[in-house]
Amino acid sequence: MLKYAIIFALISLVAGVLGFTGVAGASAAIAKFFFVLFLIVAVVFIVLAALGIGAARKAIR
């Protein structure tokens, strides 16, 4: 997801420089969405790892 956020951010920058403001705005919105989604998933996995839930718990047994 972070990869897609970076790709859409770069598309947004290039489109903005070339004057395609509609494409730049849409790409920026998509990049923000993917970045926020990445952050949410990362926090969930960090919490699960801290609680010992999932694959880490199975590896300990």
PDB file of N, CA and C in Angstrom:
ATOM      1  N   MET A   1       0.808  -1.193   0.000  1.00  0.00           N
ATOM      2  CA  MET A   1       0.000   0.000   0.000  1.00  0.00           C
ATOM      3  C   MET A   1       0.853   1.260   0.000  1.00  0.00           C
ATOM      4  N   LEU A   2       1.928   1.208   0.753  1.00  0.00           N
ATOM      5  CA  LEU A   2       2.819   2.372   0.774  1.00  0.00           C
ATOM      6  C   LEU A   2       3.418   2.607  -0.607  1.00  0.00           C
ATOM      7  N   LYS A   3       3.681   1.523  -1.308  1.00  0.00           N
ATOM      8  CA  LYS A   3       4.217   1.631  -2.671  1.00  0.00           C
ATOM      9  C   LYS A   3       3.242   2.381  -3.568  1.00  0.00           C
ATOM     10  N   TYR A   4       1.957   2.040  -3.480  1.00  0.00           N
ATOM     11  CA  TYR A   4       0.949   2.712  -4.298  1.00  0.00           C
ATOM     12  C   TYR A   4       0.787   4.172  -3.898  1.00  0.00           C
ATOM     13  N   ALA A   5       0.894   4.460  -2.602  1.00  0.00           N
ATOM     14  CA  ALA A   5       0.803   5.847  -2.147  1.00  0.00           C
ATOM     15  C   ALA A   5       1.934   6.683  -2.740  1.00  0.00           C
ATOM     16  N   ILE A   6       3.135   6.129  -2.760  1.00  0.00           N
ATOM     17  CA  ILE A   6       4.280   6.847  -3.333  1.00  0.00           C
ATOM     18  C   ILE A   6       4.110   7.024  -4.839  1.00  0.00           C
ATOM     19  N   ILE A   7       3.627   5.980  -5.517  1.00  0.00           N
ATOM     20  CA  ILE A   7       3.420   6.076  -6.969  1.00  0.00           C
ATOM     21  C   ILE A   7       2.411   7.169  -7.296  1.00  0.00           C
ATOM     22  N   PHE A   8       1.275   7.181  -6.590  1.00  0.00           N
ATOM     23  CA  PHE A   8       0.257   8.195  -6.869  1.00  0.00           C
ATOM     24  C   PHE A   8       0.728   9.594  -6.478  1.00  0.00           C
ATOM     25  N   ALA A   9       1.562   9.709  -5.446  1.00  0.00           N
ATOM     26  CA  ALA A   9       2.115  11.014  -5.094  1.00  0.00           C
ATOM     27  C   ALA A   9       3.025  11.529  -6.208  1.00  0.00           C
ATOM     28  N   LEU A  10       3.825  10.648  -6.779  1.00  0.00           N
ATOM     29  CA  LEU A  10       4.697  11.045  -7.889  1.00  0.00           C
ATOM     30  C   LEU A  10       3.879  11.418  -9.130  1.00  0.00           C
ATOM     31  N   ILE A  11       2.830  10.651  -9.405  1.00  0.00           N
ATOM     32  CA  ILE A  11       1.952  10.993 -10.532  1.00  0.00           C
ATOM     33  C   ILE A  11       1.334  12.366 -10.310  1.00  0.00           C
ATOM     34  N   SER A  12       0.935  12.631  -9.077  1.00  0.00           N
ATOM     35  CA  SER A  12       0.339  13.920  -8.743  1.00  0.00           C
ATOM     36  C   SER A  12       1.326  15.064  -8.955  1.00  0.00           C
ATOM     37  N   LEU A  13       2.568  14.864  -8.544  1.00  0.00           N
ATOM     38  CA  LEU A  13       3.585  15.905  -8.718  1.00  0.00           C
ATOM     39  C   LEU A  13       3.856  16.177 -10.197  1.00  0.00           C
ATOM     40  N   VAL A  14       4.010  15.117 -10.974  1.00  0.00           N
ATOM     41  CA  VAL A  14       4.288  15.281 -12.401  1.00  0.00           C
ATOM     42  C   VAL A  14       3.103  15.944 -13.102  1.00  0.00           C
ATOM     43  N   ALA A  15       1.890  15.513 -12.777  1.00  0.00           N
ATOM     44  CA  ALA A  15       0.701  16.100 -13.404  1.00  0.00           C
ATOM     45  C   ALA A  15       0.555  17.566 -13.012  1.00  0.00           C
ATOM     46  N   GLY A  16       0.888  17.887 -11.781  1.00  0.00           N
ATOM     47  CA  GLY A  16       0.822  19.279 -11.341  1.00  0.00           C
ATOM     48  C   GLY A  16       1.814  20.157 -12.074  1.00  0.00           C
ATOM     49  N   VAL A  17       3.015  19.651 -12.271  1.00  0.00           N
ATOM     50  CA  VAL A  17       4.045  20.413 -12.989  1.00  0.00           C
ATOM     51  C   VAL A  17       3.637  20.638 -14.445  1.00  0.00           C
ATOM     52  N   LEU A  18       2.994  19.633 -15.032  1.00  0.00           N
ATOM     53  CA  LEU A  18       2.587  19.736 -16.432  1.00  0.00           C
ATOM     54  C   LEU A  18       1.272  20.497 -16.621  1.00  0.00           C
ATOM     55  N   GLY A  19       0.619  20.868 -15.529  1.00  0.00           N
ATOM     56  CA  GLY A  19      -0.587  21.673 -15.625  1.00  0.00           C
ATOM     57  C   GLY A  19      -1.891  20.902 -15.643  1.00  0.00           C
ATOM     58  N   PHE A  20      -1.834  19.610 -15.414  1.00  0.00           N
ATOM     59  CA  PHE A  20      -3.062  18.801 -15.364  1.00  0.00           C
ATOM     60  C   PHE A  20      -3.590  18.802 -13.931  1.00  0.00           C
ATOM     61  N   THR A  21      -4.277  19.872 -13.566  1.00  0.00           N
ATOM     62  CA  THR A  21      -4.678  20.053 -12.166  1.00  0.00           C
ATOM     63  C   THR A  21      -5.723  19.028 -11.718  1.00  0.00           C
ATOM     64  N   GLY A  22      -6.617  18.634 -12.618  1.00  0.00           N
ATOM     65  CA  GLY A  22      -7.624  17.639 -12.247  1.00  0.00           C
ATOM     66  C   GLY A  22      -7.003  16.299 -11.931  1.00  0.00           C
ATOM     67  N   VAL A  23      -6.082  15.882 -12.772  1.00  0.00           N
ATOM     68  CA  VAL A  23      -5.380  14.610 -12.555  1.00  0.00           C
ATOM     69  C   VAL A  23      -4.518  14.699 -11.301  1.00  0.00           C
ATOM     70  N   ALA A  24      -3.882  15.839 -11.091  1.00  0.00           N
ATOM     71  CA  ALA A  24      -3.026  16.014  -9.917  1.00  0.00           C
ATOM     72  C   ALA A  24      -3.849  15.924  -8.634  1.00  0.00           C
ATOM     73  N   GLY A  25      -5.005  16.552  -8.625  1.00  0.00           N
ATOM     74  CA  GLY A  25      -5.855  16.512  -7.430  1.00  0.00           C
ATOM     75  C   GLY A  25      -6.371  15.117  -7.133  1.00  0.00           C
ATOM     76  N   ALA A  26      -6.796  14.423  -8.176  1.00  0.00           N
ATOM     77  CA  ALA A  26      -7.294  13.060  -7.992  1.00  0.00           C
ATOM     78  C   ALA A  26      -6.182  12.123  -7.524  1.00  0.00           C
ATOM     79  N   SER A  27      -5.018  12.257  -8.108  1.00  0.00           N
ATOM     80  CA  SER A  27      -3.884  11.411  -7.705  1.00  0.00           C
ATOM     81  C   SER A  27      -3.463  11.702  -6.274  1.00  0.00           C
ATOM     82  N   ALA A  28      -3.495  12.951  -5.883  1.00  0.00           N
ATOM     83  CA  ALA A  28      -3.143  13.313  -4.507  1.00  0.00           C
ATOM     84  C   ALA A  28      -4.145  12.725  -3.518  1.00  0.00           C
ATOM     85  N   ALA A  29      -5.421  12.751  -3.872  1.00  0.00           N
ATOM     86  CA  ALA A  29      -6.438  12.172  -2.994  1.00  0.00           C
ATOM     87  C   ALA A  29      -6.258  10.662  -2.852  1.00  0.00           C
ATOM     88  N   ILE A  30      -5.953  10.001  -3.950  1.00  0.00           N
ATOM     89  CA  ILE A  30      -5.721   8.550  -3.906  1.00  0.00           C
ATOM     90  C   ILE A  30      -4.480   8.244  -3.075  1.00  0.00           C
ATOM     91  N   ALA A  31      -3.432   9.038  -3.232  1.00  0.00           N
ATOM     92  CA  ALA A  31      -2.202   8.830  -2.455  1.00  0.00           C
ATOM     93  C   ALA A  31      -2.471   9.005  -0.964  1.00  0.00           C
ATOM     94  N   LYS A  32      -3.248  10.012  -0.595  1.00  0.00           N
ATOM     95  CA  LYS A  32      -3.596  10.219   0.822  1.00  0.00           C
ATOM     96  C   LYS A  32      -4.381   9.028   1.365  1.00  0.00           C
ATOM     97  N   PHE A  33      -5.332   8.537   0.577  1.00  0.00           N
ATOM     98  CA  PHE A  33      -6.135   7.396   1.002  1.00  0.00           C
ATOM     99  C   PHE A  33      -5.257   6.176   1.266  1.00  0.00           C
ATOM    100  N   PHE A  34      -4.364   5.840   0.329  1.00  0.00           N
ATOM    101  CA  PHE A  34      -3.500   4.680   0.504  1.00  0.00           C
ATOM    102  C   PHE A  34      -2.542   4.854   1.676  1.00  0.00           C
ATOM    103  N   PHE A  35      -2.055   6.073   1.900  1.00  0.00           N
ATOM    104  CA  PHE A  35      -1.136   6.299   3.006  1.00  0.00           C
ATOM    105  C   PHE A  35      -1.850   6.131   4.343  1.00  0.00           C
ATOM    106  N   VAL A  36      -3.054   6.660   4.454  1.00  0.00           N
ATOM    107  CA  VAL A  36      -3.816   6.506   5.700  1.00  0.00           C
ATOM    108  C   VAL A  36      -4.164   5.038   5.919  1.00  0.00           C
ATOM    109  N   LEU A  37      -4.543   4.342   4.863  1.00  0.00           N
ATOM    110  CA  LEU A  37      -4.832   2.915   4.972  1.00  0.00           C
ATOM    111  C   LEU A  37      -3.592   2.143   5.420  1.00  0.00           C
ATOM    112  N   PHE A  38      -2.440   2.491   4.876  1.00  0.00           N
ATOM    113  CA  PHE A  38      -1.180   1.866   5.295  1.00  0.00           C
ATOM    114  C   PHE A  38      -0.915   2.103   6.779  1.00  0.00           C
ATOM    115  N   LEU A  39      -1.126   3.341   7.236  1.00  0.00           N
ATOM    116  CA  LEU A  39      -0.892   3.645   8.647  1.00  0.00           C
ATOM    117  C   LEU A  39      -1.819   2.856   9.561  1.00  0.00           C
ATOM    118  N   ILE A  40      -3.082   2.738   9.184  1.00  0.00           N
ATOM    119  CA  ILE A  40      -4.045   1.990   9.999  1.00  0.00           C
ATOM    120  C   ILE A  40      -3.646   0.523  10.089  1.00  0.00           C
ATOM    121  N   VAL A  41      -3.310  -0.074   8.961  1.00  0.00           N
ATOM    122  CA  VAL A  41      -2.917  -1.485   8.957  1.00  0.00           C
ATOM    123  C   VAL A  41      -1.625  -1.688   9.742  1.00  0.00           C
ATOM    124  N   ALA A  42      -0.679  -0.777   9.611  1.00  0.00           N
ATOM    125  CA  ALA A  42       0.588  -0.890  10.350  1.00  0.00           C
ATOM    126  C   ALA A  42       0.342  -0.828  11.851  1.00  0.00           C
ATOM    127  N   VAL A  43      -0.509   0.083  12.295  1.00  0.00           N
ATOM    128  CA  VAL A  43      -0.809   0.195  13.730  1.00  0.00           C
ATOM    129  C   VAL A  43      -1.503  -1.062  14.234  1.00  0.00           C
ATOM    130  N   VAL A  44      -2.431  -1.603  13.459  1.00  0.00           N
ATOM    131  CA  VAL A  44      -3.114  -2.831  13.866  1.00  0.00           C
ATOM    132  C   VAL A  44      -2.114  -3.966  14.023  1.00  0.00           C
ATOM    133  N   PHE A  45      -1.208  -4.121  13.080  1.00  0.00           N
ATOM    134  CA  PHE A  45      -0.220  -5.191  13.179  1.00  0.00           C
ATOM    135  C   PHE A  45       0.753  -4.972  14.335  1.00  0.00           C
ATOM    136  N   ILE A  46       1.112  -3.749  14.609  1.00  0.00           N
ATOM    137  CA  ILE A  46       1.997  -3.465  15.748  1.00  0.00           C
ATOM    138  C   ILE A  46       1.309  -3.823  17.058  1.00  0.00           C
ATOM    139  N   VAL A  47       0.031  -3.471  17.179  1.00  0.00           N
ATOM    140  CA  VAL A  47      -0.726  -3.806  18.393  1.00  0.00           C
ATOM    141  C   VAL A  47      -0.862  -5.314  18.535  1.00  0.00           C
ATOM    142  N   LEU A  48      -1.174  -6.001  17.445  1.00  0.00           N
ATOM    143  CA  LEU A  48      -1.296  -7.457  17.510  1.00  0.00           C
ATOM    144  C   LEU A  48       0.035  -8.112  17.887  1.00  0.00           C
ATOM    145  N   ALA A  49       1.118  -7.597  17.367  1.00  0.00           N
ATOM    146  CA  ALA A  49       2.438  -8.146  17.717  1.00  0.00           C
ATOM    147  C   ALA A  49       2.761  -7.884  19.183  1.00  0.00           C
ATOM    148  N   ALA A  50       2.396  -6.713  19.683  1.00  0.00           N
ATOM    149  CA  ALA A  50       2.664  -6.387  21.089  1.00  0.00           C
ATOM    150  C   ALA A  50       1.845  -7.265  22.027  1.00  0.00           C
ATOM    151  N   LEU A  51       0.641  -7.629  21.607  1.00  0.00           N
ATOM    152  CA  LEU A  51      -0.213  -8.485  22.422  1.00  0.00           C
ATOM    153  C   LEU A  51       0.127  -9.957  22.273  1.00  0.00           C
ATOM    154  N   GLY A  52       0.959 -10.279  21.307  1.00  0.00           N
ATOM    155  CA  GLY A  52       1.355 -11.669  21.097  1.00  0.00           C
ATOM    156  C   GLY A  52       0.304 -12.483  20.382  1.00  0.00           C
ATOM    157  N   ILE A  53      -0.492 -11.831  19.566  1.00  0.00           N
ATOM    158  CA  ILE A  53      -1.552 -12.519  18.830  1.00  0.00           C
ATOM    159  C   ILE A  53      -1.066 -12.800  17.418  1.00  0.00           C
ATOM    160  N   GLY A  54      -1.343 -13.988  16.905  1.00  0.00           N
ATOM    161  CA  GLY A  54      -1.025 -14.311  15.523  1.00  0.00           C
ATOM    162  C   GLY A  54       0.176 -15.214  15.392  1.00  0.00           C
ATOM    163  N   ALA A  55       0.942 -14.990  14.352  1.00  0.00           N
ATOM    164  CA  ALA A  55       2.053 -15.881  14.012  1.00  0.00           C
ATOM    165  C   ALA A  55       3.152 -15.855  15.079  1.00  0.00           C
ATOM    166  N   ALA A  56       3.371 -14.702  15.706  1.00  0.00           N
ATOM    167  CA  ALA A  56       4.411 -14.631  16.735  1.00  0.00           C
ATOM    168  C   ALA A  56       4.083 -15.528  17.914  1.00  0.00           C
ATOM    169  N   ARG A  57       2.818 -15.586  18.276  1.00  0.00           N
ATOM    170  CA  ARG A  57       2.399 -16.431  19.399  1.00  0.00           C
ATOM    171  C   ARG A  57       2.587 -17.905  19.063  1.00  0.00           C
ATOM    172  N   LYS A  58       2.279 -18.290  17.833  1.00  0.00           N
ATOM    173  CA  LYS A  58       2.439 -19.673  17.414  1.00  0.00           C
ATOM    174  C   LYS A  58       3.915 -20.063  17.362  1.00  0.00           C
ATOM    175  N   ALA A  59       4.773 -19.127  17.012  1.00  0.00           N
ATOM    176  CA  ALA A  59       6.208 -19.415  16.915  1.00  0.00           C
ATOM    177  C   ALA A  59       6.818 -19.638  18.293  1.00  0.00           C
ATOM    178  N   ILE A  60       6.267 -18.993  19.301  1.00  0.00           N
ATOM    179  CA  ILE A  60       6.801 -19.120  20.654  1.00  0.00           C
ATOM    180  C   ILE A  60       6.507 -20.491  21.225  1.00  0.00           C
ATOM    181  N   ARG A  61       5.357 -21.063  20.902  1.00  0.00           N
ATOM    182  CA  ARG A  61       4.962 -22.378  21.452  1.00  0.00           C
ATOM    183  C   ARG A  61       5.790 -23.480  20.933  1.00  0.00           C
TER     184      ARG A  61
END
